[in-house]
N, C-alpha and C. Protein backbone atom coordinates (compact mmCIF):
# COMPACT_ATOMS: atom_id res chain seq x y z
N UNK A 1 126.99 90.20 98.19
CA UNK A 1 126.90 90.57 96.79
C UNK A 1 128.21 90.23 96.09
N UNK A 2 128.12 89.57 94.95
CA UNK A 2 129.31 89.18 94.24
C UNK A 2 129.89 90.29 93.39
N UNK A 3 129.13 91.36 93.11
CA UNK A 3 129.58 92.46 92.26
C UNK A 3 129.37 93.76 93.02
N UNK A 4 130.27 94.73 92.79
CA UNK A 4 130.10 96.03 93.41
C UNK A 4 128.98 96.79 92.73
N UNK A 5 128.48 97.84 93.41
CA UNK A 5 127.43 98.67 92.82
C UNK A 5 127.91 99.33 91.54
N UNK A 6 129.20 99.72 91.50
CA UNK A 6 129.72 100.37 90.30
C UNK A 6 129.76 99.40 89.13
N UNK A 7 130.16 98.16 89.37
CA UNK A 7 130.18 97.15 88.31
C UNK A 7 128.78 96.91 87.76
N UNK A 8 127.79 96.89 88.67
CA UNK A 8 126.42 96.72 88.22
C UNK A 8 125.96 97.90 87.38
N UNK A 9 126.33 99.11 87.80
CA UNK A 9 125.93 100.30 87.06
C UNK A 9 126.48 100.27 85.65
N UNK A 10 127.72 99.80 85.51
CA UNK A 10 128.33 99.73 84.19
C UNK A 10 127.65 98.69 83.30
N UNK A 11 127.04 97.68 83.94
CA UNK A 11 126.41 96.61 83.16
C UNK A 11 124.97 96.92 82.80
N UNK A 12 124.38 97.91 83.50
CA UNK A 12 122.95 98.20 83.32
C UNK A 12 122.78 99.49 82.55
N UNK A 13 122.15 99.41 81.39
CA UNK A 13 121.85 100.61 80.62
C UNK A 13 120.39 100.98 80.89
N UNK A 14 119.76 101.66 79.97
CA UNK A 14 118.36 102.06 80.16
C UNK A 14 117.47 100.84 79.98
N UNK A 15 116.93 100.35 81.08
CA UNK A 15 116.14 99.13 81.06
C UNK A 15 114.78 99.38 81.67
N UNK A 16 113.78 98.62 81.21
CA UNK A 16 112.48 98.63 81.88
C UNK A 16 112.65 97.95 83.23
N UNK A 17 111.71 98.15 84.17
CA UNK A 17 111.82 97.47 85.47
C UNK A 17 112.00 95.96 85.34
N UNK A 18 111.25 95.34 84.42
CA UNK A 18 111.38 93.89 84.26
C UNK A 18 112.74 93.51 83.69
N UNK A 19 113.24 94.31 82.74
CA UNK A 19 114.57 94.05 82.17
C UNK A 19 115.65 94.25 83.23
N UNK A 20 115.45 95.25 84.09
CA UNK A 20 116.41 95.50 85.16
C UNK A 20 116.46 94.33 86.13
N UNK A 21 115.28 93.81 86.48
CA UNK A 21 115.23 92.64 87.35
C UNK A 21 115.98 91.48 86.72
N UNK A 22 115.73 91.24 85.43
CA UNK A 22 116.41 90.14 84.73
C UNK A 22 117.92 90.33 84.73
N UNK A 23 118.36 91.59 84.53
CA UNK A 23 119.79 91.86 84.53
C UNK A 23 120.41 91.60 85.89
N UNK A 24 119.71 91.99 86.95
CA UNK A 24 120.22 91.78 88.31
C UNK A 24 120.21 90.30 88.67
N UNK A 25 119.20 89.58 88.20
CA UNK A 25 119.18 88.13 88.40
C UNK A 25 120.37 87.50 87.70
N UNK A 26 120.64 87.95 86.47
CA UNK A 26 121.77 87.41 85.71
C UNK A 26 123.10 87.73 86.38
N UNK A 27 123.16 88.89 87.04
CA UNK A 27 124.37 89.28 87.76
C UNK A 27 124.54 88.48 89.06
N UNK A 28 123.47 87.79 89.47
CA UNK A 28 123.54 86.98 90.68
C UNK A 28 123.30 87.74 91.97
N UNK A 29 122.70 88.93 91.87
CA UNK A 29 122.47 89.72 93.09
C UNK A 29 121.00 89.78 93.49
N UNK A 30 120.12 89.36 92.61
CA UNK A 30 118.70 89.26 92.94
C UNK A 30 118.24 87.83 92.72
N UNK A 31 117.23 87.41 93.51
CA UNK A 31 116.64 86.09 93.34
C UNK A 31 115.69 86.10 92.14
N UNK A 32 115.73 85.07 91.35
CA UNK A 32 114.81 84.94 90.23
C UNK A 32 113.38 84.95 90.76
N UNK A 33 112.55 85.93 90.36
CA UNK A 33 111.19 86.02 90.90
C UNK A 33 110.30 84.84 90.52
N UNK A 34 110.69 84.08 89.49
CA UNK A 34 109.90 82.92 89.08
C UNK A 34 110.31 81.64 89.81
N UNK A 35 111.39 81.69 90.58
CA UNK A 35 111.83 80.53 91.34
C UNK A 35 110.97 80.38 92.60
N UNK A 36 111.05 79.23 93.23
CA UNK A 36 110.27 79.01 94.47
C UNK A 36 110.66 80.01 95.54
N UNK A 37 111.96 80.26 95.69
CA UNK A 37 112.43 81.24 96.67
C UNK A 37 111.96 82.64 96.30
N UNK A 38 112.02 82.97 95.02
CA UNK A 38 111.59 84.29 94.58
C UNK A 38 110.11 84.53 94.80
N UNK A 39 109.29 83.52 94.52
CA UNK A 39 107.85 83.67 94.75
C UNK A 39 107.55 83.85 96.23
N UNK A 40 108.32 83.17 97.08
CA UNK A 40 108.14 83.33 98.52
C UNK A 40 108.52 84.74 98.97
N UNK A 41 109.61 85.26 98.46
CA UNK A 41 110.03 86.61 98.84
C UNK A 41 109.03 87.66 98.36
N UNK A 42 108.51 87.50 97.15
CA UNK A 42 107.51 88.44 96.65
C UNK A 42 106.23 88.39 97.47
N UNK A 43 105.82 87.20 97.85
CA UNK A 43 104.62 87.05 98.69
C UNK A 43 104.86 87.69 100.05
N UNK A 44 106.05 87.48 100.61
CA UNK A 44 106.37 88.06 101.91
C UNK A 44 106.36 89.58 101.84
N UNK A 45 106.92 90.15 100.78
CA UNK A 45 106.92 91.60 100.64
C UNK A 45 105.50 92.14 100.62
N UNK A 46 104.61 91.48 99.88
CA UNK A 46 103.21 91.93 99.82
C UNK A 46 102.55 91.85 101.20
N UNK A 47 102.70 90.72 101.86
CA UNK A 47 102.02 90.52 103.14
C UNK A 47 102.61 91.39 104.25
N UNK A 48 103.91 91.55 104.26
CA UNK A 48 104.52 92.41 105.28
C UNK A 48 104.07 93.85 105.12
N UNK A 49 103.85 94.28 103.87
CA UNK A 49 103.33 95.63 103.65
C UNK A 49 101.86 95.73 104.04
N UNK A 50 101.07 94.74 103.68
CA UNK A 50 99.62 94.79 103.92
C UNK A 50 99.25 94.56 105.38
N UNK A 51 99.86 93.55 106.00
CA UNK A 51 99.46 93.14 107.35
C UNK A 51 100.47 93.52 108.43
N UNK A 52 101.69 93.80 108.02
CA UNK A 52 102.76 94.02 108.97
C UNK A 52 103.50 92.72 109.25
N UNK A 53 104.77 92.84 109.59
CA UNK A 53 105.59 91.66 109.83
C UNK A 53 105.07 90.84 111.00
N UNK A 54 104.76 91.50 112.12
CA UNK A 54 104.35 90.77 113.33
C UNK A 54 103.06 90.00 113.11
N UNK A 55 102.13 90.53 112.31
CA UNK A 55 100.83 89.90 112.13
C UNK A 55 100.82 88.87 110.99
N UNK A 56 101.90 88.80 110.24
CA UNK A 56 102.00 87.82 109.16
C UNK A 56 102.63 86.54 109.69
N UNK A 57 101.93 85.43 109.55
CA UNK A 57 102.44 84.16 110.04
C UNK A 57 103.09 83.36 108.91
N UNK A 58 103.86 82.36 109.31
CA UNK A 58 104.44 81.45 108.33
C UNK A 58 103.33 80.76 107.54
N UNK A 59 102.24 80.46 108.22
CA UNK A 59 101.09 79.84 107.55
C UNK A 59 100.52 80.78 106.49
N UNK A 60 100.45 82.08 106.81
CA UNK A 60 99.98 83.07 105.83
C UNK A 60 100.86 83.06 104.58
N UNK A 61 102.17 83.04 104.81
CA UNK A 61 103.12 83.05 103.69
C UNK A 61 102.95 81.81 102.82
N UNK A 62 102.81 80.66 103.48
CA UNK A 62 102.66 79.41 102.74
C UNK A 62 101.37 79.41 101.92
N UNK A 63 100.29 79.89 102.54
CA UNK A 63 99.00 79.91 101.85
C UNK A 63 99.03 80.84 100.65
N UNK A 64 99.80 81.93 100.75
CA UNK A 64 99.86 82.92 99.68
C UNK A 64 100.43 82.33 98.39
N UNK A 65 101.34 81.37 98.53
CA UNK A 65 101.95 80.79 97.32
C UNK A 65 101.57 79.31 97.14
N UNK A 66 100.66 78.83 97.99
CA UNK A 66 100.12 77.50 97.79
C UNK A 66 101.05 76.35 98.13
N UNK A 67 101.78 76.49 99.26
CA UNK A 67 102.64 75.39 99.70
C UNK A 67 102.34 75.09 101.17
N UNK A 68 102.89 74.00 101.69
CA UNK A 68 102.76 73.67 103.10
C UNK A 68 103.70 74.54 103.92
N UNK A 69 103.30 74.86 105.15
CA UNK A 69 104.11 75.74 106.00
C UNK A 69 105.54 75.23 106.15
N UNK A 70 105.67 73.92 106.33
CA UNK A 70 107.00 73.36 106.54
C UNK A 70 107.93 73.53 105.35
N UNK A 71 107.37 73.69 104.17
CA UNK A 71 108.20 73.83 102.96
C UNK A 71 108.99 75.13 102.96
N UNK A 72 108.49 76.14 103.68
CA UNK A 72 109.20 77.41 103.74
C UNK A 72 110.59 77.24 104.32
N UNK A 73 110.73 76.30 105.25
CA UNK A 73 112.01 76.14 105.94
C UNK A 73 113.04 75.38 105.11
N UNK A 74 112.66 75.01 103.88
CA UNK A 74 113.66 74.53 102.93
C UNK A 74 114.47 75.70 102.37
N UNK A 75 113.89 76.90 102.47
CA UNK A 75 114.52 78.09 101.91
C UNK A 75 115.07 79.02 102.98
N UNK A 76 114.39 79.13 104.12
CA UNK A 76 114.79 80.04 105.19
C UNK A 76 114.62 79.36 106.53
N UNK A 77 115.48 79.70 107.47
CA UNK A 77 115.42 79.06 108.78
C UNK A 77 114.42 79.71 109.71
N UNK A 78 113.98 80.93 109.40
CA UNK A 78 113.04 81.63 110.28
C UNK A 78 112.30 82.71 109.50
N UNK A 79 111.23 83.22 110.09
CA UNK A 79 110.50 84.33 109.47
C UNK A 79 111.36 85.58 109.44
N UNK A 80 112.17 85.78 110.46
CA UNK A 80 113.04 86.96 110.50
C UNK A 80 114.06 86.92 109.37
N UNK A 81 114.53 85.73 109.03
CA UNK A 81 115.46 85.61 107.90
C UNK A 81 114.77 85.97 106.58
N UNK A 82 113.48 85.66 106.47
CA UNK A 82 112.73 86.06 105.28
C UNK A 82 112.64 87.58 105.20
N UNK A 83 112.35 88.22 106.33
CA UNK A 83 112.27 89.68 106.36
C UNK A 83 113.61 90.29 105.94
N UNK A 84 114.70 89.77 106.45
CA UNK A 84 116.02 90.28 106.09
C UNK A 84 116.26 90.13 104.59
N UNK A 85 115.90 88.98 104.04
CA UNK A 85 116.08 88.75 102.60
C UNK A 85 115.24 89.71 101.77
N UNK A 86 114.01 89.96 102.21
CA UNK A 86 113.13 90.91 101.50
C UNK A 86 113.77 92.29 101.51
N UNK A 87 114.22 92.74 102.68
CA UNK A 87 114.83 94.07 102.79
C UNK A 87 116.09 94.16 101.94
N UNK A 88 116.87 93.11 101.92
CA UNK A 88 118.10 93.11 101.14
C UNK A 88 117.78 93.25 99.65
N UNK A 89 116.82 92.50 99.17
CA UNK A 89 116.50 92.53 97.74
C UNK A 89 115.82 93.84 97.34
N UNK A 90 114.97 94.37 98.22
CA UNK A 90 114.34 95.66 97.94
C UNK A 90 115.41 96.75 97.83
N UNK A 91 116.37 96.73 98.75
CA UNK A 91 117.44 97.73 98.74
C UNK A 91 118.29 97.62 97.49
N UNK A 92 118.63 96.41 97.10
CA UNK A 92 119.43 96.20 95.89
C UNK A 92 118.69 96.72 94.66
N UNK A 93 117.42 96.35 94.53
CA UNK A 93 116.67 96.77 93.35
C UNK A 93 116.46 98.28 93.33
N UNK A 94 116.09 98.86 94.49
CA UNK A 94 115.87 100.31 94.54
C UNK A 94 117.15 101.05 94.19
N UNK A 95 118.29 100.58 94.70
CA UNK A 95 119.56 101.24 94.41
C UNK A 95 119.94 101.12 92.95
N UNK A 96 119.78 99.94 92.38
CA UNK A 96 120.13 99.74 90.96
C UNK A 96 119.23 100.58 90.07
N UNK A 97 117.95 100.65 90.41
CA UNK A 97 117.01 101.43 89.61
C UNK A 97 117.36 102.92 89.67
N UNK A 98 117.66 103.43 90.87
CA UNK A 98 117.99 104.84 91.01
C UNK A 98 119.33 105.16 90.35
N UNK A 99 120.31 104.29 90.52
CA UNK A 99 121.61 104.52 89.88
C UNK A 99 121.47 104.55 88.36
N UNK A 100 120.67 103.63 87.82
CA UNK A 100 120.46 103.59 86.37
C UNK A 100 119.86 104.89 85.88
N UNK A 101 118.85 105.40 86.60
CA UNK A 101 118.21 106.66 86.21
C UNK A 101 119.18 107.83 86.33
N UNK A 102 119.97 107.84 87.41
CA UNK A 102 120.91 108.93 87.63
C UNK A 102 122.00 108.95 86.57
N UNK A 103 122.49 107.77 86.20
CA UNK A 103 123.57 107.70 85.23
C UNK A 103 123.14 108.16 83.84
N UNK A 104 121.85 108.12 83.57
CA UNK A 104 121.35 108.56 82.26
C UNK A 104 121.10 110.07 82.20
N UNK A 105 121.27 110.76 83.32
CA UNK A 105 120.94 112.18 83.39
C UNK A 105 122.04 113.03 82.76
N UNK A 106 121.62 114.13 82.14
CA UNK A 106 122.55 114.95 81.36
C UNK A 106 123.25 116.02 82.18
N UNK A 107 122.74 116.34 83.37
CA UNK A 107 123.33 117.41 84.17
C UNK A 107 123.22 117.05 85.65
N UNK A 108 123.98 117.70 86.53
CA UNK A 108 123.87 117.43 87.96
C UNK A 108 122.46 117.62 88.51
N UNK A 109 121.76 118.68 88.03
CA UNK A 109 120.39 118.91 88.49
C UNK A 109 119.46 117.78 88.05
N UNK A 110 119.62 117.35 86.80
CA UNK A 110 118.79 116.25 86.32
C UNK A 110 119.11 114.96 87.05
N UNK A 111 120.35 114.78 87.43
CA UNK A 111 120.76 113.60 88.19
C UNK A 111 120.06 113.57 89.55
N UNK A 112 120.05 114.74 90.22
CA UNK A 112 119.38 114.81 91.51
C UNK A 112 117.88 114.62 91.36
N UNK A 113 117.31 115.21 90.31
CA UNK A 113 115.87 115.00 90.07
C UNK A 113 115.57 113.52 89.85
N UNK A 114 116.44 112.82 89.15
CA UNK A 114 116.24 111.39 88.91
C UNK A 114 116.22 110.62 90.23
N UNK A 115 117.09 111.00 91.16
CA UNK A 115 117.10 110.36 92.48
C UNK A 115 115.80 110.65 93.23
N UNK A 116 115.38 111.91 93.21
CA UNK A 116 114.15 112.31 93.89
C UNK A 116 112.96 111.55 93.31
N UNK A 117 112.87 111.53 91.98
CA UNK A 117 111.74 110.86 91.34
C UNK A 117 111.75 109.35 91.61
N UNK A 118 112.92 108.74 91.56
CA UNK A 118 113.02 107.30 91.81
C UNK A 118 112.54 106.96 93.22
N UNK A 119 112.95 107.77 94.19
CA UNK A 119 112.53 107.47 95.56
C UNK A 119 111.04 107.76 95.76
N UNK A 120 110.53 108.81 95.15
CA UNK A 120 109.09 109.08 95.24
C UNK A 120 108.29 107.92 94.65
N UNK A 121 108.72 107.42 93.51
CA UNK A 121 108.01 106.30 92.88
C UNK A 121 108.05 105.07 93.78
N UNK A 122 109.17 104.86 94.46
CA UNK A 122 109.26 103.72 95.37
C UNK A 122 108.36 103.92 96.58
N UNK A 123 108.36 105.12 97.15
CA UNK A 123 107.54 105.42 98.32
C UNK A 123 106.06 105.23 98.01
N UNK A 124 105.65 105.62 96.81
CA UNK A 124 104.25 105.55 96.43
C UNK A 124 103.87 104.22 95.77
N UNK A 125 104.75 103.25 95.86
CA UNK A 125 104.44 101.90 95.40
C UNK A 125 104.32 101.75 93.90
N UNK A 126 104.98 102.63 93.15
CA UNK A 126 104.87 102.60 91.70
C UNK A 126 106.01 101.86 91.01
N UNK A 127 107.04 101.50 91.78
CA UNK A 127 108.21 100.94 91.11
C UNK A 127 108.95 99.88 91.90
N UNK A 128 108.97 99.98 93.22
CA UNK A 128 109.77 99.08 94.05
C UNK A 128 108.88 98.46 95.12
N UNK A 129 108.22 97.34 94.84
CA UNK A 129 107.35 96.71 95.83
C UNK A 129 108.11 96.41 97.13
N UNK A 130 107.48 96.75 98.25
CA UNK A 130 108.08 96.46 99.54
C UNK A 130 108.98 97.55 100.10
N UNK A 131 109.07 98.70 99.40
CA UNK A 131 110.00 99.76 99.83
C UNK A 131 109.68 100.27 101.24
N UNK A 132 108.39 100.38 101.57
CA UNK A 132 108.01 100.91 102.88
C UNK A 132 108.47 100.01 104.02
N UNK A 133 108.68 98.73 103.73
CA UNK A 133 109.13 97.79 104.76
C UNK A 133 110.49 98.20 105.32
N UNK A 134 111.32 98.83 104.49
CA UNK A 134 112.65 99.23 104.93
C UNK A 134 112.59 100.15 106.14
N UNK A 135 111.56 100.96 106.23
CA UNK A 135 111.41 101.89 107.35
C UNK A 135 110.53 101.29 108.44
N UNK A 136 109.38 100.79 108.05
CA UNK A 136 108.37 100.35 109.02
C UNK A 136 108.84 99.17 109.85
N UNK A 137 109.55 98.24 109.22
CA UNK A 137 109.91 96.99 109.91
C UNK A 137 111.38 96.90 110.31
N UNK A 138 112.10 98.01 110.27
CA UNK A 138 113.53 97.97 110.57
C UNK A 138 113.81 97.37 111.94
N UNK A 139 113.02 97.74 112.95
CA UNK A 139 113.28 97.26 114.31
C UNK A 139 112.92 95.79 114.50
N UNK A 140 112.26 95.20 113.52
CA UNK A 140 111.94 93.77 113.61
C UNK A 140 113.13 92.89 113.27
N UNK A 141 114.19 93.49 112.72
CA UNK A 141 115.38 92.73 112.39
C UNK A 141 116.29 92.58 113.60
N UNK A 142 117.01 91.48 113.66
CA UNK A 142 118.04 91.31 114.67
C UNK A 142 119.18 92.28 114.37
N UNK A 143 120.06 92.49 115.34
CA UNK A 143 121.18 93.40 115.15
C UNK A 143 122.08 92.92 114.01
N UNK A 144 122.29 91.62 113.92
CA UNK A 144 123.13 91.07 112.86
C UNK A 144 122.51 91.32 111.49
N UNK A 145 121.19 91.11 111.38
CA UNK A 145 120.51 91.36 110.11
C UNK A 145 120.49 92.83 109.76
N UNK A 146 120.34 93.69 110.77
CA UNK A 146 120.38 95.13 110.52
C UNK A 146 121.71 95.54 109.90
N UNK A 147 122.80 94.98 110.40
CA UNK A 147 124.12 95.32 109.87
C UNK A 147 124.25 94.87 108.42
N UNK A 148 123.68 93.71 108.09
CA UNK A 148 123.73 93.21 106.72
C UNK A 148 123.00 94.14 105.76
N UNK A 149 121.79 94.56 106.15
CA UNK A 149 121.01 95.45 105.30
C UNK A 149 121.65 96.84 105.26
N UNK A 150 122.21 97.26 106.39
CA UNK A 150 122.81 98.59 106.46
C UNK A 150 123.96 98.75 105.49
N UNK A 151 124.73 97.70 105.28
CA UNK A 151 125.84 97.77 104.31
C UNK A 151 125.31 98.09 102.91
N UNK A 152 124.19 97.47 102.55
CA UNK A 152 123.58 97.76 101.25
C UNK A 152 122.97 99.16 101.23
N UNK A 153 122.39 99.55 102.36
CA UNK A 153 121.77 100.87 102.46
C UNK A 153 122.82 101.97 102.27
N UNK A 154 124.02 101.73 102.74
CA UNK A 154 125.08 102.73 102.59
C UNK A 154 125.41 102.96 101.11
N UNK A 155 125.37 101.90 100.32
CA UNK A 155 125.60 102.05 98.88
C UNK A 155 124.48 102.88 98.25
N UNK A 156 123.25 102.62 98.67
CA UNK A 156 122.09 103.38 98.18
C UNK A 156 122.25 104.86 98.54
N UNK A 157 122.63 105.13 99.79
CA UNK A 157 122.75 106.51 100.25
C UNK A 157 123.91 107.22 99.55
N UNK A 158 124.95 106.48 99.18
CA UNK A 158 126.07 107.13 98.51
C UNK A 158 125.66 107.69 97.14
N UNK A 159 124.73 107.03 96.48
CA UNK A 159 124.21 107.56 95.21
C UNK A 159 123.61 108.94 95.46
N UNK A 160 122.84 109.05 96.54
CA UNK A 160 122.23 110.33 96.91
C UNK A 160 123.29 111.38 97.22
N UNK A 161 124.25 111.02 98.06
CA UNK A 161 125.26 112.00 98.48
C UNK A 161 126.06 112.51 97.30
N UNK A 162 126.39 111.63 96.36
CA UNK A 162 127.12 112.06 95.17
C UNK A 162 126.28 113.03 94.34
N UNK A 163 124.99 112.71 94.19
CA UNK A 163 124.10 113.57 93.39
C UNK A 163 123.90 114.93 94.06
N UNK A 164 123.73 114.94 95.37
CA UNK A 164 123.54 116.19 96.11
C UNK A 164 124.79 117.06 96.02
N UNK A 165 125.97 116.45 96.17
CA UNK A 165 127.22 117.20 96.08
C UNK A 165 127.39 117.83 94.71
N UNK A 166 127.09 117.07 93.67
CA UNK A 166 127.28 117.58 92.31
C UNK A 166 126.31 118.70 91.98
N UNK A 167 125.12 118.68 92.59
CA UNK A 167 124.10 119.69 92.29
C UNK A 167 124.27 120.97 93.11
N UNK A 168 125.24 120.97 94.04
CA UNK A 168 125.50 122.16 94.87
C UNK A 168 124.22 122.66 95.53
N UNK A 169 123.59 121.78 96.28
CA UNK A 169 122.30 122.11 96.91
C UNK A 169 122.44 123.21 97.94
N UNK A 170 121.36 123.99 98.06
CA UNK A 170 121.28 124.97 99.14
C UNK A 170 121.34 124.21 100.46
N UNK A 171 122.11 124.73 101.39
CA UNK A 171 122.27 124.03 102.66
C UNK A 171 123.65 123.44 102.81
N UNK A 172 124.35 123.25 101.67
CA UNK A 172 125.74 122.86 101.72
C UNK A 172 126.02 121.41 102.04
N UNK A 173 125.96 121.04 103.29
CA UNK A 173 126.34 119.70 103.74
C UNK A 173 125.46 118.64 103.11
N UNK A 174 126.01 117.77 102.25
CA UNK A 174 125.19 116.76 101.58
C UNK A 174 124.45 115.84 102.54
N UNK A 175 125.08 115.47 103.66
CA UNK A 175 124.43 114.58 104.62
C UNK A 175 123.20 115.25 105.24
N UNK A 176 123.31 116.55 105.54
CA UNK A 176 122.17 117.28 106.09
C UNK A 176 121.07 117.41 105.05
N UNK A 177 121.43 117.75 103.83
CA UNK A 177 120.43 117.87 102.77
C UNK A 177 119.71 116.54 102.57
N UNK A 178 120.46 115.46 102.60
CA UNK A 178 119.82 114.14 102.43
C UNK A 178 118.84 113.87 103.56
N UNK A 179 119.19 114.19 104.79
CA UNK A 179 118.26 113.99 105.91
C UNK A 179 116.98 114.80 105.71
N UNK A 180 117.13 116.02 105.25
CA UNK A 180 115.95 116.85 104.99
C UNK A 180 115.11 116.26 103.87
N UNK A 181 115.77 115.74 102.85
CA UNK A 181 115.05 115.13 101.73
C UNK A 181 114.33 113.86 102.17
N UNK A 182 114.95 113.07 103.02
CA UNK A 182 114.28 111.86 103.53
C UNK A 182 112.95 112.22 104.18
N UNK A 183 112.97 113.24 105.04
CA UNK A 183 111.74 113.66 105.70
C UNK A 183 110.71 114.19 104.72
N UNK A 184 111.17 115.03 103.79
CA UNK A 184 110.24 115.63 102.82
C UNK A 184 109.62 114.58 101.91
N UNK A 185 110.43 113.67 101.41
CA UNK A 185 109.92 112.67 100.46
C UNK A 185 109.03 111.65 101.16
N UNK A 186 109.46 111.14 102.30
CA UNK A 186 108.66 110.11 102.97
C UNK A 186 107.31 110.65 103.42
N UNK A 187 107.25 111.91 103.79
CA UNK A 187 105.99 112.49 104.26
C UNK A 187 104.97 112.65 103.13
N UNK A 188 105.42 112.67 101.88
CA UNK A 188 104.47 112.82 100.78
C UNK A 188 103.47 111.66 100.73
N UNK A 189 103.83 110.53 101.33
CA UNK A 189 102.93 109.37 101.31
C UNK A 189 101.60 109.70 101.99
N UNK A 190 101.62 110.62 102.96
CA UNK A 190 100.40 110.93 103.71
C UNK A 190 99.52 111.98 103.04
N UNK A 191 100.06 112.70 102.03
CA UNK A 191 99.24 113.77 101.45
C UNK A 191 99.21 113.81 99.93
N UNK A 192 100.20 113.22 99.27
CA UNK A 192 100.26 113.34 97.82
C UNK A 192 99.66 112.12 97.13
N UNK A 193 98.69 112.38 96.27
CA UNK A 193 98.12 111.33 95.43
C UNK A 193 98.36 111.73 93.97
N UNK A 194 99.18 110.96 93.27
CA UNK A 194 99.50 111.33 91.88
C UNK A 194 98.27 111.64 91.05
N UNK A 195 98.31 112.82 90.43
CA UNK A 195 97.28 113.31 89.50
C UNK A 195 96.01 113.81 90.18
N UNK A 196 95.80 113.53 91.46
CA UNK A 196 94.60 114.05 92.13
C UNK A 196 94.61 115.57 92.18
N UNK A 197 95.81 116.15 92.33
CA UNK A 197 95.90 117.60 92.41
C UNK A 197 96.56 118.20 91.16
N UNK A 198 96.54 117.42 90.07
CA UNK A 198 97.08 117.91 88.82
C UNK A 198 98.58 117.72 88.67
N UNK A 199 99.23 117.16 89.67
CA UNK A 199 100.67 116.94 89.61
C UNK A 199 100.98 115.46 89.41
N UNK A 200 101.96 115.18 88.59
CA UNK A 200 102.47 113.83 88.47
C UNK A 200 103.67 113.68 89.41
N UNK A 201 104.15 112.47 89.55
CA UNK A 201 105.36 112.25 90.36
C UNK A 201 106.53 113.06 89.79
N UNK A 202 106.63 113.09 88.46
CA UNK A 202 107.70 113.85 87.83
C UNK A 202 107.57 115.34 88.12
N UNK A 203 106.34 115.85 88.09
CA UNK A 203 106.10 117.27 88.42
C UNK A 203 106.54 117.57 89.85
N UNK A 204 106.15 116.68 90.77
CA UNK A 204 106.49 116.89 92.18
C UNK A 204 108.01 116.84 92.36
N UNK A 205 108.65 115.90 91.68
CA UNK A 205 110.13 115.82 91.77
C UNK A 205 110.76 117.13 91.31
N UNK A 206 110.20 117.73 90.25
CA UNK A 206 110.73 119.00 89.77
C UNK A 206 110.55 120.12 90.77
N UNK A 207 109.40 120.15 91.45
CA UNK A 207 109.15 121.18 92.46
C UNK A 207 110.13 121.02 93.63
N UNK A 208 110.35 119.78 94.05
CA UNK A 208 111.25 119.53 95.17
C UNK A 208 112.68 119.90 94.78
N UNK A 209 113.07 119.57 93.55
CA UNK A 209 114.40 119.95 93.06
C UNK A 209 114.58 121.46 93.12
N UNK A 210 113.55 122.19 92.73
CA UNK A 210 113.64 123.66 92.72
C UNK A 210 113.86 124.23 94.12
N UNK A 211 113.38 123.53 95.14
CA UNK A 211 113.56 123.99 96.52
C UNK A 211 114.97 123.70 97.00
N UNK A 212 115.46 122.51 96.71
CA UNK A 212 116.74 122.09 97.27
C UNK A 212 117.94 122.45 96.38
N UNK A 213 117.72 122.59 95.09
CA UNK A 213 118.83 122.94 94.18
C UNK A 213 118.35 123.98 93.18
N UNK A 214 118.04 125.19 93.68
CA UNK A 214 117.51 126.24 92.80
C UNK A 214 118.56 126.72 91.78
């Protein structure tokens, strides 16, 4: 990444998801989704989520965007490199989106709620395509690729730790609270359907905030 997360935060104000993508592309940290490489990464994110990394072939990826299989290797040397690139871009976008929401919050509690809501929206596929790949396909990466993505993940997690510390959450230790939140938020994918039970994602984020930062 050519710019730090803080520099990006200062450059990004309240933007729509599409405007945020454009800003990150302009900053040089995200691939232009309209470019050949960008279309390949978007197709890979969809297929890796739908079919799984192991069951998705290079031929599948090529067919998804209407190119010959060999053309993929003009952009990436292997399928594993594509997975690493997808995870890297998902992490960058998710972090920028959450930081933008948190920075607009008026109080520590609202800042933490913004983090909770942003991650819930990503988990439920409402804002960050490919977010589930970060967990499901982590072991499919080589050790070297894991370290590359982990560096970006640490920046994402620092947004959480700062928000938890400022909100003075019950439980004290921000790292422990974050681990508990990871489990609570990720598990909602198996039982929570927005609006089916009268709750929106924002409503659920408020309920979770009330438990962790009463």
